[in-house]
Amino acid sequence: HPSLITLESSGINAEYGGAGTALLGKEGAMACTVAVEDTIVTHYTDQIREIVEQGKEEEYRELLQVIKKFRDEELEHHDTGMEHGAELAPQYKLLTKVIKLGCQTAIKVAERV
């Protein structure tokens, strides 16, 4: 079901998060990108799996195409972040873990409203 949370309503949080990681330099910004995109790719993959496991591929054929397209675009962003030094960010593992947790929380909230 559509969420009441939209990209527009969550934009302020993204701007502050982006500004915060930018303070860590290019690598920090790339680490943020990798963490966010990894979380989104996982979420899209879970949605695809759920539709397939329910045997509703034909019913949701167009939606599946859209989700797959978006997932593939997010994966490209992830790969770009890795290619541009994400893992060189200070405290990369901790930083990405915290960002992923924030993203996962936002997804869970969005699924419920």
N, C-alpha and C. Protein backbone atom coordinates (compact mmCIF):
# COMPACT_ATOMS: atom_id res chain seq x y z
N HIS A 1 0.84 -1.18 0.00
CA HIS A 1 0.00 0.00 0.00
C HIS A 1 0.89 1.24 0.00
N PRO A 2 0.39 2.31 -0.59
CA PRO A 2 1.18 3.55 -0.60
C PRO A 2 1.37 4.09 0.82
N SER A 3 2.51 4.66 1.07
CA SER A 3 2.80 5.24 2.37
C SER A 3 2.40 6.71 2.40
N LEU A 4 2.07 7.20 3.58
CA LEU A 4 1.80 8.62 3.74
C LEU A 4 3.10 9.43 3.75
N ILE A 5 4.22 8.74 3.98
CA ILE A 5 5.52 9.40 3.96
C ILE A 5 6.00 9.46 2.51
N THR A 6 6.33 10.65 2.07
CA THR A 6 6.78 10.83 0.69
C THR A 6 8.22 11.31 0.67
N LEU A 7 8.82 11.30 -0.50
CA LEU A 7 10.17 11.82 -0.63
C LEU A 7 10.22 13.28 -0.20
N GLU A 8 9.17 14.02 -0.53
CA GLU A 8 9.15 15.43 -0.18
C GLU A 8 9.12 15.64 1.33
N SER A 9 8.33 14.81 2.03
CA SER A 9 8.22 14.99 3.47
C SER A 9 9.45 14.51 4.22
N SER A 10 10.25 13.66 3.58
CA SER A 10 11.46 13.18 4.25
C SER A 10 12.71 13.90 3.77
N GLY A 11 12.56 14.86 2.88
CA GLY A 11 13.70 15.57 2.30
C GLY A 11 14.57 16.29 3.28
N ILE A 12 13.97 16.88 4.30
CA ILE A 12 14.76 17.63 5.30
C ILE A 12 15.74 16.69 5.99
N ASN A 13 15.28 15.51 6.38
CA ASN A 13 16.17 14.55 7.04
C ASN A 13 17.31 14.14 6.13
N ALA A 14 17.02 13.94 4.86
CA ALA A 14 18.07 13.56 3.91
C ALA A 14 19.08 14.68 3.75
N GLU A 15 18.61 15.92 3.73
CA GLU A 15 19.53 17.05 3.59
C GLU A 15 20.46 17.15 4.78
N TYR A 16 19.93 16.99 5.99
CA TYR A 16 20.78 17.06 7.18
C TYR A 16 21.76 15.89 7.21
N GLY A 17 21.27 14.70 6.85
CA GLY A 17 22.16 13.54 6.83
C GLY A 17 23.26 13.71 5.80
N GLY A 18 22.90 14.21 4.64
CA GLY A 18 23.91 14.44 3.60
C GLY A 18 24.91 15.50 4.00
N ALA A 19 24.43 16.55 4.64
CA ALA A 19 25.35 17.60 5.10
C ALA A 19 26.28 17.07 6.18
N GLY A 20 25.76 16.23 7.05
CA GLY A 20 26.59 15.66 8.11
C GLY A 20 27.70 14.78 7.58
N THR A 21 27.35 13.91 6.62
CA THR A 21 28.39 13.04 6.07
C THR A 21 29.34 13.81 5.18
N ALA A 22 28.89 14.90 4.59
CA ALA A 22 29.78 15.72 3.76
C ALA A 22 30.89 16.33 4.62
N LEU A 23 30.61 16.54 5.89
CA LEU A 23 31.64 17.04 6.80
C LEU A 23 32.79 16.05 6.95
N LEU A 24 32.51 14.79 6.64
CA LEU A 24 33.55 13.77 6.69
C LEU A 24 34.33 13.68 5.38
N GLY A 25 34.00 14.57 4.46
CA GLY A 25 34.70 14.58 3.18
C GLY A 25 34.03 13.70 2.15
N LYS A 26 34.67 13.63 1.00
CA LYS A 26 34.13 12.86 -0.13
C LYS A 26 33.86 11.41 0.27
N GLU A 27 34.81 10.81 0.98
CA GLU A 27 34.65 9.41 1.36
C GLU A 27 33.46 9.22 2.30
N GLY A 28 33.24 10.18 3.20
CA GLY A 28 32.09 10.10 4.10
C GLY A 28 30.78 10.19 3.35
N ALA A 29 30.74 11.08 2.37
CA ALA A 29 29.54 11.20 1.54
C ALA A 29 29.30 9.92 0.75
N MET A 30 30.37 9.33 0.25
CA MET A 30 30.24 8.08 -0.51
C MET A 30 29.82 6.93 0.40
N ALA A 31 30.31 6.92 1.63
CA ALA A 31 29.90 5.90 2.59
C ALA A 31 28.41 6.01 2.89
N CYS A 32 27.93 7.24 3.01
CA CYS A 32 26.51 7.47 3.23
C CYS A 32 25.70 6.94 2.04
N THR A 33 26.17 7.25 0.85
CA THR A 33 25.50 6.77 -0.36
C THR A 33 25.43 5.24 -0.36
N VAL A 34 26.55 4.60 -0.08
CA VAL A 34 26.60 3.14 -0.08
C VAL A 34 25.61 2.56 0.93
N ALA A 35 25.59 3.12 2.13
CA ALA A 35 24.70 2.60 3.18
C ALA A 35 23.24 2.76 2.81
N VAL A 36 22.89 3.94 2.32
CA VAL A 36 21.49 4.20 1.94
C VAL A 36 21.09 3.30 0.79
N GLU A 37 21.90 3.25 -0.23
CA GLU A 37 21.55 2.45 -1.42
C GLU A 37 21.49 0.97 -1.09
N ASP A 38 22.39 0.48 -0.24
CA ASP A 38 22.37 -0.92 0.15
C ASP A 38 21.05 -1.26 0.85
N THR A 39 20.62 -0.37 1.72
CA THR A 39 19.36 -0.59 2.44
C THR A 39 18.18 -0.58 1.48
N ILE A 40 18.18 0.35 0.54
CA ILE A 40 17.08 0.45 -0.41
C ILE A 40 17.06 -0.76 -1.34
N VAL A 41 18.22 -1.19 -1.82
CA VAL A 41 18.30 -2.37 -2.69
C VAL A 41 17.74 -3.59 -1.95
N THR A 42 18.11 -3.75 -0.70
CA THR A 42 17.59 -4.87 0.10
C THR A 42 16.08 -4.78 0.23
N HIS A 43 15.57 -3.59 0.47
CA HIS A 43 14.11 -3.41 0.60
C HIS A 43 13.40 -3.75 -0.71
N TYR A 44 13.89 -3.25 -1.82
CA TYR A 44 13.28 -3.57 -3.11
C TYR A 44 13.34 -5.06 -3.40
N THR A 45 14.46 -5.69 -3.10
CA THR A 45 14.60 -7.13 -3.32
C THR A 45 13.61 -7.90 -2.47
N ASP A 46 13.41 -7.47 -1.23
CA ASP A 46 12.42 -8.11 -0.35
C ASP A 46 11.01 -7.98 -0.93
N GLN A 47 10.70 -6.81 -1.49
CA GLN A 47 9.38 -6.61 -2.09
C GLN A 47 9.19 -7.54 -3.29
N ILE A 48 10.21 -7.65 -4.11
CA ILE A 48 10.14 -8.55 -5.28
C ILE A 48 9.93 -9.98 -4.81
N ARG A 49 10.72 -10.40 -3.83
CA ARG A 49 10.62 -11.77 -3.30
C ARG A 49 9.22 -12.05 -2.76
N GLU A 50 8.65 -11.09 -2.05
CA GLU A 50 7.31 -11.29 -1.48
C GLU A 50 6.27 -11.50 -2.57
N ILE A 51 6.34 -10.71 -3.62
CA ILE A 51 5.39 -10.86 -4.72
C ILE A 51 5.56 -12.22 -5.39
N VAL A 52 6.80 -12.64 -5.62
CA VAL A 52 7.07 -13.92 -6.28
C VAL A 52 6.62 -15.08 -5.39
N GLU A 53 6.94 -15.01 -4.10
CA GLU A 53 6.55 -16.08 -3.18
C GLU A 53 5.04 -16.23 -3.06
N GLN A 54 4.31 -15.14 -3.28
CA GLN A 54 2.85 -15.19 -3.23
C GLN A 54 2.27 -15.64 -4.57
N GLY A 55 3.15 -15.85 -5.56
CA GLY A 55 2.69 -16.28 -6.88
C GLY A 55 1.89 -15.22 -7.62
N LYS A 56 2.20 -13.94 -7.35
CA LYS A 56 1.43 -12.85 -7.94
C LYS A 56 2.22 -12.08 -8.99
N GLU A 57 3.17 -12.75 -9.63
CA GLU A 57 4.00 -12.06 -10.63
C GLU A 57 3.17 -11.48 -11.77
N GLU A 58 2.19 -12.22 -12.24
CA GLU A 58 1.38 -11.73 -13.36
C GLU A 58 0.48 -10.58 -12.92
N GLU A 59 -0.11 -10.71 -11.76
CA GLU A 59 -0.99 -9.66 -11.24
C GLU A 59 -0.24 -8.34 -11.04
N TYR A 60 1.01 -8.45 -10.62
CA TYR A 60 1.81 -7.26 -10.33
C TYR A 60 2.97 -7.08 -11.31
N ARG A 61 2.77 -7.55 -12.54
CA ARG A 61 3.82 -7.51 -13.56
C ARG A 61 4.41 -6.11 -13.74
N GLU A 62 3.56 -5.13 -13.92
CA GLU A 62 4.04 -3.75 -14.14
C GLU A 62 4.76 -3.22 -12.90
N LEU A 63 4.21 -3.48 -11.73
CA LEU A 63 4.85 -3.03 -10.49
C LEU A 63 6.22 -3.69 -10.32
N LEU A 64 6.31 -4.98 -10.63
CA LEU A 64 7.60 -5.67 -10.56
C LEU A 64 8.62 -5.02 -11.47
N GLN A 65 8.21 -4.65 -12.66
CA GLN A 65 9.14 -3.99 -13.60
C GLN A 65 9.65 -2.67 -13.02
N VAL A 66 8.76 -1.91 -12.41
CA VAL A 66 9.14 -0.63 -11.81
C VAL A 66 10.10 -0.85 -10.65
N ILE A 67 9.77 -1.79 -9.78
CA ILE A 67 10.62 -2.06 -8.61
C ILE A 67 12.00 -2.52 -9.07
N LYS A 68 12.05 -3.41 -10.05
CA LYS A 68 13.33 -3.91 -10.55
C LYS A 68 14.16 -2.79 -11.16
N LYS A 69 13.49 -1.89 -11.89
CA LYS A 69 14.20 -0.75 -12.50
C LYS A 69 14.79 0.14 -11.41
N PHE A 70 13.98 0.47 -10.41
CA PHE A 70 14.46 1.31 -9.31
C PHE A 70 15.59 0.62 -8.55
N ARG A 71 15.43 -0.68 -8.30
CA ARG A 71 16.47 -1.43 -7.58
C ARG A 71 17.79 -1.38 -8.34
N ASP A 72 17.72 -1.59 -9.64
CA ASP A 72 18.93 -1.58 -10.45
C ASP A 72 19.60 -0.20 -10.46
N GLU A 73 18.79 0.86 -10.47
CA GLU A 73 19.34 2.21 -10.41
C GLU A 73 20.03 2.46 -9.07
N GLU A 74 19.41 2.00 -7.99
CA GLU A 74 20.00 2.17 -6.66
C GLU A 74 21.30 1.37 -6.55
N LEU A 75 21.33 0.20 -7.16
CA LEU A 75 22.55 -0.61 -7.14
C LEU A 75 23.68 0.10 -7.88
N GLU A 76 23.35 0.79 -8.95
CA GLU A 76 24.37 1.57 -9.66
C GLU A 76 24.93 2.68 -8.76
N HIS A 77 24.06 3.34 -8.01
CA HIS A 77 24.51 4.40 -7.09
C HIS A 77 25.43 3.80 -6.02
N HIS A 78 25.04 2.64 -5.50
CA HIS A 78 25.86 1.93 -4.51
C HIS A 78 27.25 1.67 -5.08
N ASP A 79 27.28 1.10 -6.28
CA ASP A 79 28.56 0.75 -6.90
C ASP A 79 29.41 1.99 -7.16
N THR A 80 28.77 3.09 -7.54
CA THR A 80 29.50 4.35 -7.76
C THR A 80 30.14 4.81 -6.45
N GLY A 81 29.40 4.71 -5.35
CA GLY A 81 29.95 5.07 -4.05
C GLY A 81 31.16 4.23 -3.70
N MET A 82 31.08 2.94 -3.96
CA MET A 82 32.21 2.06 -3.67
C MET A 82 33.41 2.43 -4.55
N GLU A 83 33.15 2.72 -5.81
CA GLU A 83 34.23 3.07 -6.74
C GLU A 83 34.91 4.39 -6.37
N HIS A 84 34.20 5.23 -5.63
CA HIS A 84 34.73 6.55 -5.28
C HIS A 84 35.19 6.64 -3.82
N GLY A 85 35.59 5.50 -3.25
CA GLY A 85 36.28 5.53 -1.98
C GLY A 85 35.45 5.47 -0.72
N ALA A 86 34.24 4.96 -0.80
CA ALA A 86 33.39 4.89 0.39
C ALA A 86 34.08 4.21 1.56
N GLU A 87 34.77 3.14 1.28
CA GLU A 87 35.40 2.36 2.35
C GLU A 87 36.59 3.08 3.00
N LEU A 88 36.99 4.20 2.42
CA LEU A 88 38.08 4.99 2.98
C LEU A 88 37.59 6.02 4.01
N ALA A 89 36.27 6.10 4.18
CA ALA A 89 35.70 7.05 5.14
C ALA A 89 36.13 6.69 6.55
N PRO A 90 36.32 7.71 7.39
CA PRO A 90 36.64 7.42 8.79
C PRO A 90 35.53 6.58 9.43
N GLN A 91 35.93 5.54 10.12
CA GLN A 91 34.97 4.67 10.80
C GLN A 91 33.89 4.14 9.84
N TYR A 92 34.31 3.71 8.67
CA TYR A 92 33.38 3.26 7.61
C TYR A 92 32.34 2.28 8.13
N LYS A 93 32.76 1.23 8.80
CA LYS A 93 31.81 0.20 9.24
C LYS A 93 30.79 0.75 10.23
N LEU A 94 31.26 1.53 11.18
CA LEU A 94 30.35 2.12 12.15
C LEU A 94 29.41 3.12 11.48
N LEU A 95 29.96 3.97 10.64
CA LEU A 95 29.16 4.97 9.94
C LEU A 95 28.06 4.33 9.11
N THR A 96 28.41 3.34 8.32
CA THR A 96 27.41 2.71 7.46
C THR A 96 26.38 1.93 8.29
N LYS A 97 26.82 1.35 9.38
CA LYS A 97 25.88 0.62 10.24
C LYS A 97 24.83 1.57 10.82
N VAL A 98 25.27 2.73 11.29
CA VAL A 98 24.35 3.71 11.87
C VAL A 98 23.39 4.24 10.79
N ILE A 99 23.92 4.54 9.63
CA ILE A 99 23.08 5.06 8.54
C ILE A 99 22.07 4.00 8.10
N LYS A 100 22.51 2.76 7.98
CA LYS A 100 21.59 1.68 7.58
C LYS A 100 20.47 1.52 8.60
N LEU A 101 20.82 1.60 9.89
CA LEU A 101 19.80 1.49 10.93
C LEU A 101 18.77 2.60 10.80
N GLY A 102 19.23 3.82 10.53
CA GLY A 102 18.30 4.92 10.32
C GLY A 102 17.41 4.69 9.12
N CYS A 103 17.97 4.20 8.05
CA CYS A 103 17.19 3.92 6.83
C CYS A 103 16.17 2.81 7.07
N GLN A 104 16.62 1.75 7.74
CA GLN A 104 15.71 0.63 8.03
C GLN A 104 14.56 1.09 8.92
N THR A 105 14.85 1.95 9.86
CA THR A 105 13.80 2.49 10.73
C THR A 105 12.80 3.31 9.92
N ALA A 106 13.32 4.15 9.03
CA ALA A 106 12.43 4.96 8.19
C ALA A 106 11.55 4.08 7.30
N ILE A 107 12.10 3.01 6.77
CA ILE A 107 11.31 2.09 5.94
C ILE A 107 10.22 1.44 6.78
N LYS A 108 10.55 0.99 7.98
CA LYS A 108 9.55 0.35 8.84
C LYS A 108 8.42 1.32 9.20
N VAL A 109 8.78 2.57 9.49
CA VAL A 109 7.76 3.57 9.78
C VAL A 109 6.88 3.81 8.55
N ALA A 110 7.52 3.95 7.39
CA ALA A 110 6.77 4.19 6.15
C ALA A 110 5.83 3.04 5.82
N GLU A 111 6.21 1.83 6.16
CA GLU A 111 5.35 0.66 5.89
C GLU A 111 4.10 0.68 6.75
N ARG A 112 4.15 1.40 7.85
CA ARG A 112 3.03 1.37 8.79
C ARG A 112 2.11 2.59 8.70
N VAL A 113 2.52 3.61 7.98
CA VAL A 113 1.66 4.79 7.88
C VAL A 113 1.17 5.02 6.46
